[in-house]
Amino acid sequence: MASAGSSPAPAGTPKSASLEIVRTFNVKLQKYAVRVLPGVSYTTGASNEIIITVLGSCVAACIRNPHTGFGGMNHFMLPESEGHDWNGVTAALRYGNHAMEALINDVLASGCSRSDLEIKLFGGATLYQGITMVGQKNAEFALSYLKREGLPIVARDLGGEHGRRIHYDPSTGSVQRLLLRDSADRKVAQTECTYKSHLNETPVESGDVELFG
């Protein structure tokens, strides 16, 4: 990722639990890169913004209105919470039911109809052994949630044993997926376990890149 520039970035709409949005300027792409951390949902209508996150067992949904280019990404760590107190629960958006509802509602509020929504899903890897199978449960939740809501998925890349770095351009709907390897996977797992406020940068050379147009 290129170094940050000094020009002010266009403002999108973050929803988070006291986590600040990290925004830098990518000189190569000539676009602002917005980092979405665990427990955050972010939407934008700016054509010069891309949204980036790093996923292990977490899942991210990329949702947009293809007619206007308005869209965003969430990043959730756990499938569901029965609570509905958005302000009283720390990091409510780390739960899939809250995160999906927040992102879908934000895109719909821009003037989009449910039938217009373009939805792509990523993440849900198994990076470490355990009986909880969080990654699988997150992926299964996302799929069942969208099926229950009657919302089709146009692209998905879920499961597996490696983390993913996701670059999403809501203005075009293009997603670049980088599979992480070895030490990068361990860093992602550690980040998820400790819920750090910043994710580690991972060079593109460390994995396989695939485009989801």
Protein backbone atom coordinates (compact mmCIF):
# COMPACT_ATOMS: atom_id res chain seq x y z
CA MET A 1 0.00 0.00 0.00
CA ALA A 2 1.31 3.40 -0.90
CA SER A 3 2.09 6.00 1.70
CA ALA A 4 -0.51 8.47 2.91
CA GLY A 5 -0.91 11.77 1.14
CA SER A 6 -1.69 15.13 2.70
CA SER A 7 -4.91 15.88 0.81
CA PRO A 8 -8.17 15.57 2.78
CA ALA A 9 -10.13 12.42 2.05
CA PRO A 10 -13.80 12.35 1.12
CA ALA A 11 -15.97 11.32 4.04
CA GLY A 12 -17.85 8.05 3.94
CA THR A 13 -20.13 6.74 6.69
CA PRO A 14 -18.54 4.55 9.38
CA LYS A 15 -20.40 2.70 12.10
CA SER A 16 -18.18 1.32 14.81
CA ALA A 17 -17.70 0.79 18.50
CA SER A 18 -15.25 3.62 19.33
CA LEU A 19 -12.85 2.51 16.58
CA GLU A 20 -11.53 5.20 14.29
CA ILE A 21 -11.58 4.78 10.53
CA VAL A 22 -8.05 4.60 9.07
CA ARG A 23 -7.86 6.34 5.69
CA THR A 24 -4.74 6.75 3.53
CA PHE A 25 -4.11 7.84 -0.05
CA ASN A 26 -2.91 5.19 -2.50
CA VAL A 27 -0.73 6.98 -5.03
CA LYS A 28 -0.68 4.06 -7.47
CA LEU A 29 -4.47 3.75 -7.62
CA GLN A 30 -5.09 7.47 -7.07
CA LYS A 31 -7.79 6.53 -4.58
CA TYR A 32 -8.26 6.77 -0.85
CA ALA A 33 -8.00 3.44 0.97
CA VAL A 34 -10.28 3.01 3.99
CA ARG A 35 -9.34 0.29 6.48
CA VAL A 36 -12.32 -1.57 7.99
CA LEU A 37 -11.46 -3.21 11.31
CA PRO A 38 -13.38 -5.92 13.20
CA GLY A 39 -16.70 -4.62 14.46
CA VAL A 40 -16.98 -1.87 11.83
CA SER A 41 -19.38 -1.24 8.96
CA TYR A 42 -18.46 1.44 6.41
CA THR A 43 -20.34 2.86 3.42
CA THR A 44 -19.38 5.43 0.81
CA GLY A 45 -20.60 6.99 -2.39
CA ALA A 46 -17.18 8.37 -3.32
CA SER A 47 -15.81 7.02 -6.59
CA ASN A 48 -12.24 7.62 -5.38
CA GLU A 49 -12.42 5.35 -2.35
CA ILE A 50 -11.62 1.66 -1.94
CA ILE A 51 -12.33 -0.33 1.22
CA ILE A 52 -9.77 -2.75 2.66
CA THR A 53 -9.92 -5.38 5.39
CA VAL A 54 -8.03 -8.48 6.51
CA LEU A 55 -10.05 -11.58 7.41
CA GLY A 56 -9.31 -14.81 9.22
CA SER A 57 -12.31 -16.57 10.72
CA CYS A 58 -14.23 -13.30 10.41
CA VAL A 59 -16.59 -12.64 7.49
CA ALA A 60 -17.02 -9.46 5.46
CA ALA A 61 -19.96 -8.62 3.24
CA CYS A 62 -19.46 -6.22 0.34
CA ILE A 63 -22.81 -4.70 -0.61
CA ARG A 64 -23.65 -1.92 -3.06
CA ASN A 65 -26.22 -0.35 -5.33
CA PRO A 66 -24.81 -1.14 -8.80
CA HIS A 67 -26.83 1.70 -10.37
CA THR A 68 -25.19 4.43 -8.27
CA GLY A 69 -21.96 2.88 -6.97
CA PHE A 70 -22.95 3.59 -3.37
CA GLY A 71 -21.92 0.71 -1.13
CA GLY A 72 -19.78 -0.56 1.68
CA MET A 73 -18.29 -3.37 3.72
CA ASN A 74 -18.76 -4.81 7.19
CA HIS A 75 -16.45 -7.07 9.22
CA PHE A 76 -17.97 -9.32 11.85
CA MET A 77 -16.34 -11.81 14.24
CA LEU A 78 -19.27 -13.84 15.60
CA PRO A 79 -22.56 -15.01 14.05
CA GLU A 80 -25.34 -13.66 16.25
CA SER A 81 -26.22 -11.73 19.37
CA GLU A 82 -29.71 -11.74 20.82
CA GLY A 83 -29.29 -8.24 22.18
CA HIS A 84 -30.60 -5.26 20.22
CA ASP A 85 -29.11 -2.37 22.20
CA TRP A 86 -26.90 -0.71 19.59
CA ASN A 87 -25.47 1.86 22.00
CA GLY A 88 -25.21 -0.16 25.19
CA VAL A 89 -23.30 -3.15 23.83
CA THR A 90 -19.59 -2.69 23.16
CA ALA A 91 -18.72 -3.60 19.56
CA ALA A 92 -22.28 -4.69 18.64
CA LEU A 93 -21.21 -4.77 15.00
CA ARG A 94 -18.83 -7.63 15.70
CA TYR A 95 -21.97 -9.81 15.55
CA GLY A 96 -23.18 -10.87 12.13
CA ASN A 97 -26.85 -10.09 12.65
CA HIS A 98 -26.12 -6.50 13.64
CA ALA A 99 -23.39 -6.03 11.03
CA MET A 100 -25.51 -7.32 8.14
CA GLU A 101 -28.54 -5.29 9.19
CA ALA A 102 -26.48 -2.12 9.54
CA LEU A 103 -24.81 -2.41 6.13
CA ILE A 104 -27.95 -3.41 4.25
CA ASN A 105 -29.96 -0.60 5.85
CA ASP A 106 -27.28 1.98 5.03
CA VAL A 107 -27.24 0.99 1.35
CA LEU A 108 -31.05 0.91 1.19
CA ALA A 109 -31.19 4.35 2.81
CA SER A 110 -29.22 5.76 -0.11
CA GLY A 111 -32.24 5.17 -2.33
CA CYS A 112 -31.57 1.59 -3.33
CA SER A 113 -34.24 -1.12 -3.46
CA ARG A 114 -33.66 -4.60 -2.05
CA SER A 115 -33.79 -6.10 -5.52
CA ASP A 116 -30.91 -3.84 -6.59
CA LEU A 117 -28.46 -4.98 -3.90
CA GLU A 118 -25.25 -6.55 -5.22
CA ILE A 119 -23.78 -8.77 -2.48
CA LYS A 120 -20.41 -10.52 -2.18
CA LEU A 121 -19.13 -12.52 0.81
CA PHE A 122 -15.57 -13.30 1.94
CA GLY A 123 -13.76 -14.92 4.88
CA GLY A 124 -14.71 -17.63 7.35
CA ALA A 125 -11.36 -19.43 7.31
CA THR A 126 -10.17 -22.00 9.86
CA LEU A 127 -6.80 -20.67 11.00
CA TYR A 128 -6.44 -22.59 14.24
CA GLN A 129 -7.80 -25.82 15.68
CA GLY A 130 -10.72 -25.73 18.06
CA ILE A 131 -14.15 -27.15 18.68
CA THR A 132 -15.95 -23.86 18.10
CA MET A 133 -15.33 -23.68 14.32
CA VAL A 134 -16.00 -19.93 14.38
CA GLY A 135 -15.07 -19.40 10.73
CA GLN A 136 -17.46 -22.07 9.52
CA LYS A 137 -20.24 -20.74 11.75
CA ASN A 138 -19.69 -17.19 10.50
CA ALA A 139 -19.87 -18.32 6.87
CA GLU A 140 -22.95 -20.46 7.49
CA PHE A 141 -24.64 -17.59 9.28
CA ALA A 142 -24.00 -15.14 6.44
CA LEU A 143 -25.35 -17.56 3.85
CA SER A 144 -28.45 -18.44 5.87
CA TYR A 145 -29.11 -14.79 6.76
CA LEU A 146 -29.14 -13.71 3.13
CA LYS A 147 -31.22 -16.72 2.09
CA ARG A 148 -33.73 -15.92 4.82
CA GLU A 149 -33.89 -12.31 3.64
CA GLY A 150 -34.32 -13.41 0.02
CA LEU A 151 -31.15 -11.62 -1.09
CA PRO A 152 -29.02 -13.33 -3.77
CA ILE A 153 -25.22 -13.51 -3.60
CA VAL A 154 -23.37 -12.67 -6.82
CA ALA A 155 -19.93 -13.84 -5.60
CA ARG A 156 -18.44 -15.55 -2.57
CA ASP A 157 -15.12 -16.91 -1.32
CA LEU A 158 -15.63 -18.59 2.05
CA GLY A 159 -13.87 -21.17 4.20
CA GLY A 160 -10.45 -22.72 3.63
CA GLU A 161 -7.35 -22.58 5.82
CA HIS A 162 -5.90 -19.18 4.91
CA GLY A 163 -6.72 -15.63 5.79
CA ARG A 164 -7.71 -13.12 3.14
CA ARG A 165 -6.95 -9.51 2.37
CA ILE A 166 -9.88 -7.84 0.59
CA HIS A 167 -9.81 -4.70 -1.55
CA TYR A 168 -13.33 -3.55 -2.48
CA ASP A 169 -14.26 -0.72 -4.84
CA PRO A 170 -17.96 0.03 -4.33
CA SER A 171 -18.06 2.36 -7.34
CA THR A 172 -17.34 -0.56 -9.69
CA GLY A 173 -18.15 -3.58 -7.51
CA SER A 174 -14.68 -5.02 -8.13
CA VAL A 175 -13.08 -7.09 -5.35
CA GLN A 176 -9.43 -8.09 -5.24
CA ARG A 177 -8.82 -11.03 -2.90
CA LEU A 178 -5.35 -11.92 -1.66
CA LEU A 179 -4.86 -15.26 0.13
CA LEU A 180 -2.47 -14.84 3.05
CA ARG A 181 0.16 -17.41 3.96
CA ASP A 182 1.81 -18.79 7.10
CA SER A 183 3.08 -15.94 9.33
CA ALA A 184 0.49 -13.55 7.91
CA ASP A 185 -2.25 -16.04 8.86
CA ARG A 186 -0.90 -16.26 12.40
CA LYS A 187 -0.94 -12.48 12.70
CA VAL A 188 -4.57 -12.38 11.56
CA ALA A 189 -5.52 -15.08 14.07
CA GLN A 190 -3.76 -13.19 16.85
CA THR A 191 -5.48 -9.95 15.83
CA GLU A 192 -8.89 -11.60 15.96
CA CYS A 193 -8.20 -13.18 19.35
CA THR A 194 -7.01 -9.94 20.95
CA TYR A 195 -9.33 -7.59 19.02
CA LYS A 196 -6.54 -5.12 18.31
CA SER A 197 -7.35 -1.67 16.97
CA HIS A 198 -5.07 -2.01 13.94
CA LEU A 199 -4.51 -4.79 11.40
CA ASN A 200 -1.09 -5.67 10.04
CA GLU A 201 -0.12 -4.63 6.53
CA THR A 202 0.53 -7.65 4.30
CA PRO A 203 2.52 -7.37 1.04
CA VAL A 204 0.77 -8.63 -2.09
CA GLU A 205 3.64 -11.02 -2.78
CA SER A 206 2.67 -13.19 0.19
CA GLY A 207 -0.35 -14.88 -1.40
CA ASP A 208 -2.59 -15.50 -4.40
CA VAL A 209 -4.59 -12.65 -5.90
CA GLU A 210 -8.00 -13.24 -7.43
CA LEU A 211 -10.47 -10.73 -8.82
CA PHE A 212 -14.22 -10.86 -8.24
CA GLY A 213 -15.75 -8.42 -10.72
